[in-house]
N, C-alpha and C. Protein backbone atom coordinates (compact mmCIF):
# COMPACT_ATOMS: atom_id res chain seq x y z
N MET A 1 112.03 143.61 180.10
CA MET A 1 112.92 143.09 179.19
C MET A 1 114.09 144.29 179.08
N ALA A 2 114.01 145.42 179.79
CA ALA A 2 114.91 146.46 178.92
C ALA A 2 116.03 146.87 179.69
N GLU A 3 116.78 145.56 180.15
CA GLU A 3 117.84 145.46 180.99
C GLU A 3 118.99 145.47 180.09
N GLN A 4 120.24 146.14 180.38
CA GLN A 4 121.52 146.25 179.57
C GLN A 4 122.22 144.73 179.36
N LYS A 5 122.53 144.22 178.61
CA LYS A 5 123.29 143.11 178.49
C LYS A 5 124.72 143.20 178.99
N PHE A 6 125.34 144.28 178.76
CA PHE A 6 126.76 144.51 179.07
C PHE A 6 126.76 146.14 179.58
N GLU A 7 128.28 146.29 180.29
CA GLU A 7 128.71 147.59 180.70
C GLU A 7 129.40 148.28 179.85
N ARG A 8 128.97 149.49 179.18
CA ARG A 8 129.86 150.24 178.25
C ARG A 8 130.85 150.64 178.63
N GLY A 9 131.33 150.44 179.95
CA GLY A 9 132.63 150.92 180.66
C GLY A 9 132.62 152.36 181.05
N THR A 10 133.06 153.40 180.07
CA THR A 10 132.95 155.06 180.20
C THR A 10 132.03 155.61 179.49
N SER A 11 131.32 156.69 179.62
CA SER A 11 130.66 157.18 179.00
C SER A 11 131.13 158.90 178.20
N LEU A 12 132.70 158.83 178.74
CA LEU A 12 133.39 160.09 178.52
C LEU A 12 133.88 159.53 177.00
N SER A 13 133.71 160.14 175.84
CA SER A 13 133.69 159.97 174.62
C SER A 13 133.56 161.37 173.68
N ILE A 14 134.61 161.43 172.82
CA ILE A 14 134.36 162.75 172.07
C ILE A 14 133.45 162.20 170.74
N PHE A 15 133.19 161.00 170.60
CA PHE A 15 132.45 160.44 169.77
C PHE A 15 130.74 160.19 169.89
N VAL A 16 130.01 160.67 168.94
CA VAL A 16 128.60 160.57 169.03
C VAL A 16 128.20 159.02 169.22
N SER A 17 128.63 158.25 168.40
CA SER A 17 128.30 156.83 168.30
C SER A 17 129.43 155.90 168.55
N ASP A 18 129.45 154.60 168.73
CA ASP A 18 130.54 153.79 168.79
C ASP A 18 130.85 153.42 167.30
N ARG A 19 129.77 153.32 166.44
CA ARG A 19 130.33 153.05 165.01
C ARG A 19 131.28 153.90 164.45
N ARG A 20 131.14 155.52 164.67
CA ARG A 20 131.84 156.35 164.73
C ARG A 20 133.64 156.34 164.96
N GLU A 21 133.32 155.68 166.46
CA GLU A 21 134.41 155.74 167.08
C GLU A 21 135.34 154.47 166.36
N ASP A 22 134.92 153.17 165.94
CA ASP A 22 135.18 152.14 165.80
C ASP A 22 136.09 152.53 164.16
N ILE A 23 135.30 153.44 163.40
CA ILE A 23 135.64 153.71 162.12
C ILE A 23 136.88 154.59 162.08
N THR A 24 136.99 155.46 163.03
CA THR A 24 138.12 156.64 163.29
C THR A 24 139.28 155.73 163.36
N ALA A 25 139.27 154.74 164.73
CA ALA A 25 140.41 154.07 165.09
C ALA A 25 140.76 153.07 164.19
N LEU A 26 140.03 152.61 163.06
CA LEU A 26 140.29 151.54 162.08
C LEU A 26 141.44 152.67 161.00
N ILE A 27 140.66 153.58 160.66
CA ILE A 27 141.30 154.78 159.78
C ILE A 27 142.76 154.79 160.50
N PHE A 28 142.74 155.37 161.75
CA PHE A 28 144.10 155.87 162.31
C PHE A 28 145.24 154.46 162.24
N ALA A 29 144.48 153.29 162.86
CA ALA A 29 145.26 151.95 162.69
C ALA A 29 145.66 151.80 161.16
N PHE A 30 145.13 152.19 159.94
CA PHE A 30 145.68 151.68 158.54
C PHE A 30 146.52 152.94 158.50
N VAL A 31 146.42 154.12 158.91
CA VAL A 31 147.49 155.33 158.49
C VAL A 31 148.99 154.90 159.21
N ILE A 32 148.70 154.23 160.51
CA ILE A 32 150.00 153.84 161.27
C ILE A 32 150.74 152.98 160.70
N ALA A 33 149.75 151.83 160.17
CA ALA A 33 150.51 150.70 159.56
C ALA A 33 150.83 150.98 158.08
N PHE A 34 150.50 152.09 157.39
CA PHE A 34 151.18 152.55 156.23
C PHE A 34 152.31 153.23 156.07
N GLY A 35 152.36 153.81 157.44
CA GLY A 35 153.48 154.96 157.86
C GLY A 35 155.10 153.88 158.05
N VAL A 36 154.39 152.75 158.97
CA VAL A 36 155.52 151.96 159.48
C VAL A 36 156.01 151.18 158.10
N LEU A 37 154.96 150.82 157.15
CA LEU A 37 155.29 150.05 155.99
C LEU A 37 156.10 150.88 154.93
N LEU A 38 155.99 152.29 154.92
CA LEU A 38 156.88 153.06 154.13
C LEU A 38 158.19 153.35 154.76
N THR A 39 158.45 153.21 156.03
CA THR A 39 159.44 153.56 156.80
C THR A 39 160.54 152.16 156.93
N THR A 40 160.24 151.14 156.77
CA THR A 40 160.94 150.11 156.63
C THR A 40 161.22 149.70 155.43
């Protein structure tokens, strides 16, 4: 029962873990949203 439930897609990532990648994407999204908020 060691089969994978889903395919990750690509293994080409500069991040060590999925959690670090998600946190970094969330931070970038907040920075972009804050920049858009300030420029409008």
